């Protein structure tokens, strides 16, 4: 790995871990490490409103920590 690609990779990893610097985002990732959750379940568990949860999920998704998907059944519910 050359110096330039190492520097790029280092910055990418730093940005990824920086996303966990907020206690709410860290709690989300810790919960999702155990099981998938519907956003409403995360809202209740963390005691936060849906707009704040959406904000944190966007940051975590952009950093590569979470993915959103539809349920395998009817496809109506979304999970993180």
PDB file of N, CA and C in Angstrom:
ATOM      1  N   UNK A   1       0.852  -1.163   0.000  1.00  0.00           N
ATOM      2  CA  UNK A   1       0.000   0.000   0.000  1.00  0.00           C
ATOM      3  C   UNK A   1       0.905   1.235   0.000  1.00  0.00           C
ATOM      4  N   UNK A   2       0.653   2.122  -0.934  1.00  0.00           N
ATOM      5  CA  UNK A   2       1.475   3.338  -0.983  1.00  0.00           C
ATOM      6  C   UNK A   2       0.980   4.359   0.040  1.00  0.00           C
ATOM      7  N   UNK A   3       1.772   5.391   0.245  1.00  0.00           N
ATOM      8  CA  UNK A   3       1.472   6.389   1.281  1.00  0.00           C
ATOM      9  C   UNK A   3       0.150   7.097   1.029  1.00  0.00           C
ATOM     10  N   UNK A   4      -0.149   7.379  -0.216  1.00  0.00           N
ATOM     11  CA  UNK A   4      -1.392   8.096  -0.533  1.00  0.00           C
ATOM     12  C   UNK A   4      -2.614   7.244  -0.238  1.00  0.00           C
ATOM     13  N   UNK A   5      -2.598   5.976  -0.647  1.00  0.00           N
ATOM     14  CA  UNK A   5      -3.757   5.121  -0.384  1.00  0.00           C
ATOM     15  C   UNK A   5      -3.879   4.814   1.103  1.00  0.00           C
ATOM     16  N   UNK A   6      -2.748   4.731   1.805  1.00  0.00           N
ATOM     17  CA  UNK A   6      -2.800   4.530   3.256  1.00  0.00           C
ATOM     18  C   UNK A   6      -3.469   5.730   3.927  1.00  0.00           C
ATOM     19  N   UNK A   7      -3.092   6.930   3.503  1.00  0.00           N
ATOM     20  CA  UNK A   7      -3.672   8.149   4.083  1.00  0.00           C
ATOM     21  C   UNK A   7      -5.177   8.215   3.817  1.00  0.00           C
ATOM     22  N   UNK A   8      -5.593   7.852   2.612  1.00  0.00           N
ATOM     23  CA  UNK A   8      -7.008   7.840   2.259  1.00  0.00           C
ATOM     24  C   UNK A   8      -7.762   6.832   3.118  1.00  0.00           C
ATOM     25  N   UNK A   9      -7.187   5.646   3.269  1.00  0.00           N
ATOM     26  CA  UNK A   9      -7.816   4.609   4.081  1.00  0.00           C
ATOM     27  C   UNK A   9      -7.884   5.033   5.543  1.00  0.00           C
ATOM     28  N   UNK A  10      -6.844   5.658   6.026  1.00  0.00           N
ATOM     29  CA  UNK A  10      -6.820   6.119   7.407  1.00  0.00           C
ATOM     30  C   UNK A  10      -7.916   7.154   7.662  1.00  0.00           C
ATOM     31  N   UNK A  11      -8.085   8.081   6.739  1.00  0.00           N
ATOM     32  CA  UNK A  11      -9.138   9.096   6.876  1.00  0.00           C
ATOM     33  C   UNK A  11     -10.531   8.465   6.813  1.00  0.00           C
ATOM     34  N   UNK A  12     -10.705   7.496   5.946  1.00  0.00           N
ATOM     35  CA  UNK A  12     -11.996   6.803   5.821  1.00  0.00           C
ATOM     36  C   UNK A  12     -12.324   6.079   7.126  1.00  0.00           C
ATOM     37  N   UNK A  13     -11.355   5.388   7.687  1.00  0.00           N
ATOM     38  CA  UNK A  13     -11.591   4.680   8.943  1.00  0.00           C
ATOM     39  C   UNK A  13     -11.837   5.643  10.098  1.00  0.00           C
ATOM     40  N   UNK A  14     -11.122   6.759  10.127  1.00  0.00           N
ATOM     41  CA  UNK A  14     -11.333   7.756  11.187  1.00  0.00           C
ATOM     42  C   UNK A  14     -12.746   8.322  11.115  1.00  0.00           C
ATOM     43  N   UNK A  15     -13.226   8.604   9.904  1.00  0.00           N
ATOM     44  CA  UNK A  15     -14.589   9.118   9.733  1.00  0.00           C
ATOM     45  C   UNK A  15     -15.609   8.075  10.170  1.00  0.00           C
ATOM     46  N   UNK A  16     -15.335   6.819   9.869  1.00  0.00           N
ATOM     47  CA  UNK A  16     -16.257   5.746  10.252  1.00  0.00           C
ATOM     48  C   UNK A  16     -16.360   5.644  11.770  1.00  0.00           C
ATOM     49  N   UNK A  17     -15.229   5.677  12.441  1.00  0.00           N
ATOM     50  CA  UNK A  17     -15.261   5.576  13.901  1.00  0.00           C
ATOM     51  C   UNK A  17     -15.758   6.857  14.556  1.00  0.00           C
ATOM     52  N   UNK A  18     -15.587   7.986  13.913  1.00  0.00           N
ATOM     53  CA  UNK A  18     -16.100   9.250  14.457  1.00  0.00           C
ATOM     54  C   UNK A  18     -17.620   9.215  14.570  1.00  0.00           C
ATOM     55  N   UNK A  19     -18.277   8.464  13.699  1.00  0.00           N
ATOM     56  CA  UNK A  19     -19.734   8.351  13.753  1.00  0.00           C
ATOM     57  C   UNK A  19     -20.195   7.735  15.068  1.00  0.00           C
ATOM     58  N   UNK A  20     -19.320   6.987  15.730  1.00  0.00           N
ATOM     59  CA  UNK A  20     -19.675   6.359  17.000  1.00  0.00           C
ATOM     60  C   UNK A  20     -19.389   7.264  18.193  1.00  0.00           C
ATOM     61  N   UNK A  21     -18.933   8.482  17.941  1.00  0.00           N
ATOM     62  CA  UNK A  21     -18.580   9.407  19.001  1.00  0.00           C
ATOM     63  C   UNK A  21     -19.764   9.975  19.762  1.00  0.00           C
ATOM     64  N   UNK A  22     -20.953   9.778  19.259  1.00  0.00           N
ATOM     65  CA  UNK A  22     -22.160  10.238  19.942  1.00  0.00           C
ATOM     66  C   UNK A  22     -22.743   9.065  20.733  1.00  0.00           C
ATOM     67  N   UNK A  23     -23.100   9.269  22.001  1.00  0.00           N
ATOM     68  CA  UNK A  23     -23.625   8.169  22.823  1.00  0.00           C
ATOM     69  C   UNK A  23     -24.872   7.494  22.246  1.00  0.00           C
ATOM     70  N   UNK A  24     -25.744   8.258  21.615  1.00  0.00           N
ATOM     71  CA  UNK A  24     -26.949   7.658  21.034  1.00  0.00           C
ATOM     72  C   UNK A  24     -26.572   6.746  19.875  1.00  0.00           C
ATOM     73  N   UNK A  25     -25.668   7.202  19.015  1.00  0.00           N
ATOM     74  CA  UNK A  25     -25.260   6.369  17.876  1.00  0.00           C
ATOM     75  C   UNK A  25     -24.541   5.119  18.354  1.00  0.00           C
ATOM     76  N   UNK A  26     -23.723   5.240  19.374  1.00  0.00           N
ATOM     77  CA  UNK A  26     -23.047   4.062  19.924  1.00  0.00           C
ATOM     78  C   UNK A  26     -24.072   3.081  20.484  1.00  0.00           C
ATOM     79  N   UNK A  27     -25.084   3.579  21.184  1.00  0.00           N
ATOM     80  CA  UNK A  27     -26.137   2.713  21.727  1.00  0.00           C
ATOM     81  C   UNK A  27     -26.907   2.021  20.608  1.00  0.00           C
ATOM     82  N   UNK A  28     -27.159   2.721  19.519  1.00  0.00           N
ATOM     83  CA  UNK A  28     -27.859   2.117  18.372  1.00  0.00           C
ATOM     84  C   UNK A  28     -27.035   0.959  17.815  1.00  0.00           C
ATOM     85  N   UNK A  29     -25.754   1.197  17.576  1.00  0.00           N
ATOM     86  CA  UNK A  29     -24.893   0.155  17.004  1.00  0.00           C
ATOM     87  C   UNK A  29     -24.761  -1.031  17.961  1.00  0.00           C
ATOM     88  N   UNK A  30     -24.638  -0.759  19.256  1.00  0.00           N
ATOM     89  CA  UNK A  30     -24.560  -1.855  20.222  1.00  0.00           C
ATOM     90  C   UNK A  30     -25.823  -2.692  20.213  1.00  0.00           C
ATOM     91  N   UNK A  31     -26.977  -2.052  20.132  1.00  0.00           N
ATOM     92  CA  UNK A  31     -28.245  -2.788  20.090  1.00  0.00           C
ATOM     93  C   UNK A  31     -28.353  -3.605  18.811  1.00  0.00           C
ATOM     94  N   UNK A  32     -27.969  -3.012  17.696  1.00  0.00           N
ATOM     95  CA  UNK A  32     -28.095  -3.701  16.415  1.00  0.00           C
ATOM     96  C   UNK A  32     -27.055  -4.799  16.230  1.00  0.00           C
ATOM     97  N   UNK A  33     -26.036  -4.800  17.051  1.00  0.00           N
ATOM     98  CA  UNK A  33     -25.058  -5.890  17.007  1.00  0.00           C
ATOM     99  C   UNK A  33     -25.678  -7.192  17.497  1.00  0.00           C
ATOM    100  N   UNK A  34     -26.759  -7.070  18.279  1.00  0.00           N
ATOM    101  CA  UNK A  34     -27.439  -8.228  18.844  1.00  0.00           C
ATOM    102  C   UNK A  34     -28.555  -8.715  17.930  1.00  0.00           C
ATOM    103  N   UNK A  35     -29.331  -7.783  17.366  1.00  0.00           N
ATOM    104  CA  UNK A  35     -30.481  -8.158  16.536  1.00  0.00           C
ATOM    105  C   UNK A  35     -30.918  -6.982  15.667  1.00  0.00           C
ATOM    106  N   UNK A  36     -31.624  -7.294  14.596  1.00  0.00           N
ATOM    107  CA  UNK A  36     -32.250  -6.244  13.794  1.00  0.00           C
ATOM    108  C   UNK A  36     -33.387  -5.639  14.603  1.00  0.00           C
ATOM    109  N   UNK A  37     -33.694  -4.380  14.336  1.00  0.00           N
ATOM    110  CA  UNK A  37     -34.796  -3.703  15.025  1.00  0.00           C
ATOM    111  C   UNK A  37     -35.574  -2.848  14.039  1.00  0.00           C
ATOM    112  N   UNK A  38     -36.852  -2.697  14.311  1.00  0.00           N
ATOM    113  CA  UNK A  38     -37.639  -1.699  13.607  1.00  0.00           C
ATOM    114  C   UNK A  38     -37.299  -0.348  14.225  1.00  0.00           C
ATOM    115  N   UNK A  39     -37.325   0.711  13.447  1.00  0.00           N
ATOM    116  CA  UNK A  39     -37.044   2.031  14.020  1.00  0.00           C
ATOM    117  C   UNK A  39     -37.902   2.359  15.231  1.00  0.00           C
ATOM    118  N   UNK A  40     -39.167   1.962  15.210  1.00  0.00           N
ATOM    119  CA  UNK A  40     -40.038   2.244  16.363  1.00  0.00           C
ATOM    120  C   UNK A  40     -39.536   1.556  17.627  1.00  0.00           C
ATOM    121  N   UNK A  41     -38.955   0.371  17.483  1.00  0.00           N
ATOM    122  CA  UNK A  41     -38.384  -0.321  18.639  1.00  0.00           C
ATOM    123  C   UNK A  41     -37.178   0.445  19.189  1.00  0.00           C
ATOM    124  N   UNK A  42     -36.356   0.965  18.299  1.00  0.00           N
ATOM    125  CA  UNK A  42     -35.198   1.752  18.732  1.00  0.00           C
ATOM    126  C   UNK A  42     -35.638   3.045  19.421  1.00  0.00           C
ATOM    127  N   UNK A  43     -36.673   3.677  18.881  1.00  0.00           N
ATOM    128  CA  UNK A  43     -37.189   4.912  19.498  1.00  0.00           C
ATOM    129  C   UNK A  43     -37.593   4.652  20.940  1.00  0.00           C
ATOM    130  N   UNK A  44     -38.348   3.571  21.153  1.00  0.00           N
ATOM    131  CA  UNK A  44     -38.817   3.242  22.499  1.00  0.00           C
ATOM    132  C   UNK A  44     -37.653   2.887  23.414  1.00  0.00           C
ATOM    133  N   UNK A  45     -36.770   2.068  22.927  1.00  0.00           N
ATOM    134  CA  UNK A  45     -35.644   1.597  23.745  1.00  0.00           C
ATOM    135  C   UNK A  45     -34.733   2.743  24.173  1.00  0.00           C
ATOM    136  N   UNK A  46     -34.498   3.681  23.242  1.00  0.00           N
ATOM    137  CA  UNK A  46     -33.578   4.784  23.513  1.00  0.00           C
ATOM    138  C   UNK A  46     -34.279   6.024  24.060  1.00  0.00           C
ATOM    139  N   UNK A  47     -35.601   6.053  23.986  1.00  0.00           N
ATOM    140  CA  UNK A  47     -36.359   7.195  24.487  1.00  0.00           C
ATOM    141  C   UNK A  47     -36.139   8.452  23.665  1.00  0.00           C
ATOM    142  N   UNK A  48     -36.078   8.293  22.339  1.00  0.00           N
ATOM    143  CA  UNK A  48     -35.877   9.456  21.465  1.00  0.00           C
ATOM    144  C   UNK A  48     -36.998   9.521  20.431  1.00  0.00           C
ATOM    145  N   UNK A  49     -37.162  10.686  19.843  1.00  0.00           N
ATOM    146  CA  UNK A  49     -38.204  10.888  18.831  1.00  0.00           C
ATOM    147  C   UNK A  49     -37.730  10.390  17.469  1.00  0.00           C
ATOM    148  N   UNK A  50     -38.685  10.158  16.583  1.00  0.00           N
ATOM    149  CA  UNK A  50     -38.382   9.576  15.274  1.00  0.00           C
ATOM    150  C   UNK A  50     -37.465  10.455  14.427  1.00  0.00           C
ATOM    151  N   UNK A  51     -37.628  11.785  14.514  1.00  0.00           N
ATOM    152  CA  UNK A  51     -36.773  12.648  13.687  1.00  0.00           C
ATOM    153  C   UNK A  51     -35.322  12.602  14.158  1.00  0.00           C
ATOM    154  N   UNK A  52     -35.086  12.497  15.466  1.00  0.00           N
ATOM    155  CA  UNK A  52     -33.722  12.384  15.973  1.00  0.00           C
ATOM    156  C   UNK A  52     -33.136  11.023  15.615  1.00  0.00           C
ATOM    157  N   UNK A  53     -33.931   9.978  15.720  1.00  0.00           N
ATOM    158  CA  UNK A  53     -33.459   8.649  15.332  1.00  0.00           C
ATOM    159  C   UNK A  53     -33.086   8.631  13.852  1.00  0.00           C
ATOM    160  N   UNK A  54     -33.921   9.222  13.007  1.00  0.00           N
ATOM    161  CA  UNK A  54     -33.637   9.267  11.568  1.00  0.00           C
ATOM    162  C   UNK A  54     -32.309   9.971  11.299  1.00  0.00           C
ATOM    163  N   UNK A  55     -32.060  11.062  12.000  1.00  0.00           N
ATOM    164  CA  UNK A  55     -30.797  11.790  11.861  1.00  0.00           C
ATOM    165  C   UNK A  55     -29.609  10.881  12.192  1.00  0.00           C
ATOM    166  N   UNK A  56     -29.685  10.200  13.323  1.00  0.00           N
ATOM    167  CA  UNK A  56     -28.584   9.327  13.738  1.00  0.00           C
ATOM    168  C   UNK A  56     -28.416   8.138  12.793  1.00  0.00           C
ATOM    169  N   UNK A  57     -29.519   7.577  12.325  1.00  0.00           N
ATOM    170  CA  UNK A  57     -29.431   6.455  11.388  1.00  0.00           C
ATOM    171  C   UNK A  57     -28.803   6.866  10.064  1.00  0.00           C
ATOM    172  N   UNK A  58     -29.106   8.063   9.601  1.00  0.00           N
ATOM    173  CA  UNK A  58     -28.487   8.558   8.362  1.00  0.00           C
ATOM    174  C   UNK A  58     -26.975   8.648   8.502  1.00  0.00           C
ATOM    175  N   UNK A  59     -26.511   9.155   9.628  1.00  0.00           N
ATOM    176  CA  UNK A  59     -25.073   9.264   9.870  1.00  0.00           C
ATOM    177  C   UNK A  59     -24.439   7.877   9.936  1.00  0.00           C
ATOM    178  N   UNK A  60     -25.072   6.957  10.653  1.00  0.00           N
ATOM    179  CA  UNK A  60     -24.532   5.604  10.778  1.00  0.00           C
ATOM    180  C   UNK A  60     -24.552   4.857   9.448  1.00  0.00           C
ATOM    181  N   UNK A  61     -25.583   5.078   8.666  1.00  0.00           N
ATOM    182  CA  UNK A  61     -25.669   4.425   7.355  1.00  0.00           C
ATOM    183  C   UNK A  61     -24.587   4.967   6.422  1.00  0.00           C
ATOM    184  N   UNK A  62     -24.382   6.271   6.418  1.00  0.00           N
ATOM    185  CA  UNK A  62     -23.348   6.880   5.574  1.00  0.00           C
ATOM    186  C   UNK A  62     -21.957   6.397   5.968  1.00  0.00           C
ATOM    187  N   UNK A  63     -21.756   6.109   7.256  1.00  0.00           N
ATOM    188  CA  UNK A  63     -20.457   5.641   7.734  1.00  0.00           C
ATOM    189  C   UNK A  63     -20.289   4.131   7.562  1.00  0.00           C
ATOM    190  N   UNK A  64     -21.343   3.454   7.134  1.00  0.00           N
ATOM    191  CA  UNK A  64     -21.249   2.018   6.891  1.00  0.00           C
ATOM    192  C   UNK A  64     -21.507   1.138   8.103  1.00  0.00           C
ATOM    193  N   UNK A  65     -22.096   1.693   9.153  1.00  0.00           N
ATOM    194  CA  UNK A  65     -22.362   0.899  10.356  1.00  0.00           C
ATOM    195  C   UNK A  65     -23.698   0.170  10.307  1.00  0.00           C
ATOM    196  N   UNK A  66     -24.688   0.723   9.622  1.00  0.00           N
ATOM    197  CA  UNK A  66     -26.009   0.089   9.586  1.00  0.00           C
ATOM    198  C   UNK A  66     -26.527   0.042   8.157  1.00  0.00           C
ATOM    199  N   UNK A  67     -27.486  -0.858   7.957  1.00  0.00           N
ATOM    200  CA  UNK A  67     -28.210  -0.962   6.688  1.00  0.00           C
ATOM    201  C   UNK A  67     -29.688  -1.050   7.020  1.00  0.00           C
ATOM    202  N   UNK A  68     -30.508  -0.562   6.131  1.00  0.00           N
ATOM    203  CA  UNK A  68     -31.960  -0.666   6.305  1.00  0.00           C
ATOM    204  C   UNK A  68     -32.486  -1.650   5.261  1.00  0.00           C
ATOM    205  N   UNK A  69     -33.477  -2.447   5.651  1.00  0.00           N
ATOM    206  CA  UNK A  69     -34.062  -3.414   4.722  1.00  0.00           C
ATOM    207  C   UNK A  69     -35.518  -3.645   5.068  1.00  0.00           C
ATOM    208  N   UNK A  70     -36.258  -4.113   4.101  1.00  0.00           N
ATOM    209  CA  UNK A  70     -37.680  -4.426   4.301  1.00  0.00           C
ATOM    210  C   UNK A  70     -37.803  -5.819   4.898  1.00  0.00           C
ATOM    211  N   UNK A  71     -38.912  -6.048   5.592  1.00  0.00           N
ATOM    212  CA  UNK A  71     -39.143  -7.367   6.186  1.00  0.00           C
ATOM    213  C   UNK A  71     -39.281  -8.404   5.079  1.00  0.00           C
ATOM    214  N   UNK A  72     -38.914  -9.616   5.405  1.00  0.00           N
ATOM    215  CA  UNK A  72     -38.994 -10.700   4.426  1.00  0.00           C
ATOM    216  C   UNK A  72     -40.439 -11.103   4.161  1.00  0.00           C
ATOM    217  N   UNK A  73     -41.337 -10.844   5.106  1.00  0.00           N
ATOM    218  CA  UNK A  73     -42.747 -11.223   4.953  1.00  0.00           C
ATOM    219  C   UNK A  73     -43.444 -10.355   3.934  1.00  0.00           C
ATOM    220  N   UNK A  74     -44.276  -9.473   4.409  1.00  0.00           N
ATOM    221  CA  UNK A  74     -45.076  -8.621   3.525  1.00  0.00           C
ATOM    222  C   UNK A  74     -44.264  -7.474   2.942  1.00  0.00           C
ATOM    223  N   UNK A  75     -43.126  -7.204   3.508  1.00  0.00           N
ATOM    224  CA  UNK A  75     -42.289  -6.107   3.004  1.00  0.00           C
ATOM    225  C   UNK A  75     -42.790  -4.749   3.436  1.00  0.00           C
ATOM    226  N   UNK A  76     -43.690  -4.710   4.388  1.00  0.00           N
ATOM    227  CA  UNK A  76     -44.252  -3.430   4.824  1.00  0.00           C
ATOM    228  C   UNK A  76     -43.405  -2.766   5.890  1.00  0.00           C
ATOM    229  N   UNK A  77     -42.851  -3.561   6.789  1.00  0.00           N
ATOM    230  CA  UNK A  77     -42.017  -3.005   7.856  1.00  0.00           C
ATOM    231  C   UNK A  77     -40.584  -2.886   7.370  1.00  0.00           C
ATOM    232  N   UNK A  78     -39.925  -1.873   7.885  1.00  0.00           N
ATOM    233  CA  UNK A  78     -38.491  -1.699   7.590  1.00  0.00           C
ATOM    234  C   UNK A  78     -37.707  -1.993   8.853  1.00  0.00           C
ATOM    235  N   UNK A  79     -36.555  -2.575   8.656  1.00  0.00           N
ATOM    236  CA  UNK A  79     -35.676  -2.907   9.775  1.00  0.00           C
ATOM    237  C   UNK A  79     -34.306  -2.288   9.550  1.00  0.00           C
ATOM    238  N   UNK A  80     -33.590  -2.109  10.642  1.00  0.00           N
ATOM    239  CA  UNK A  80     -32.235  -1.589  10.593  1.00  0.00           C
ATOM    240  C   UNK A  80     -31.318  -2.708  11.026  1.00  0.00           C
TER     241      UNK A  80
END
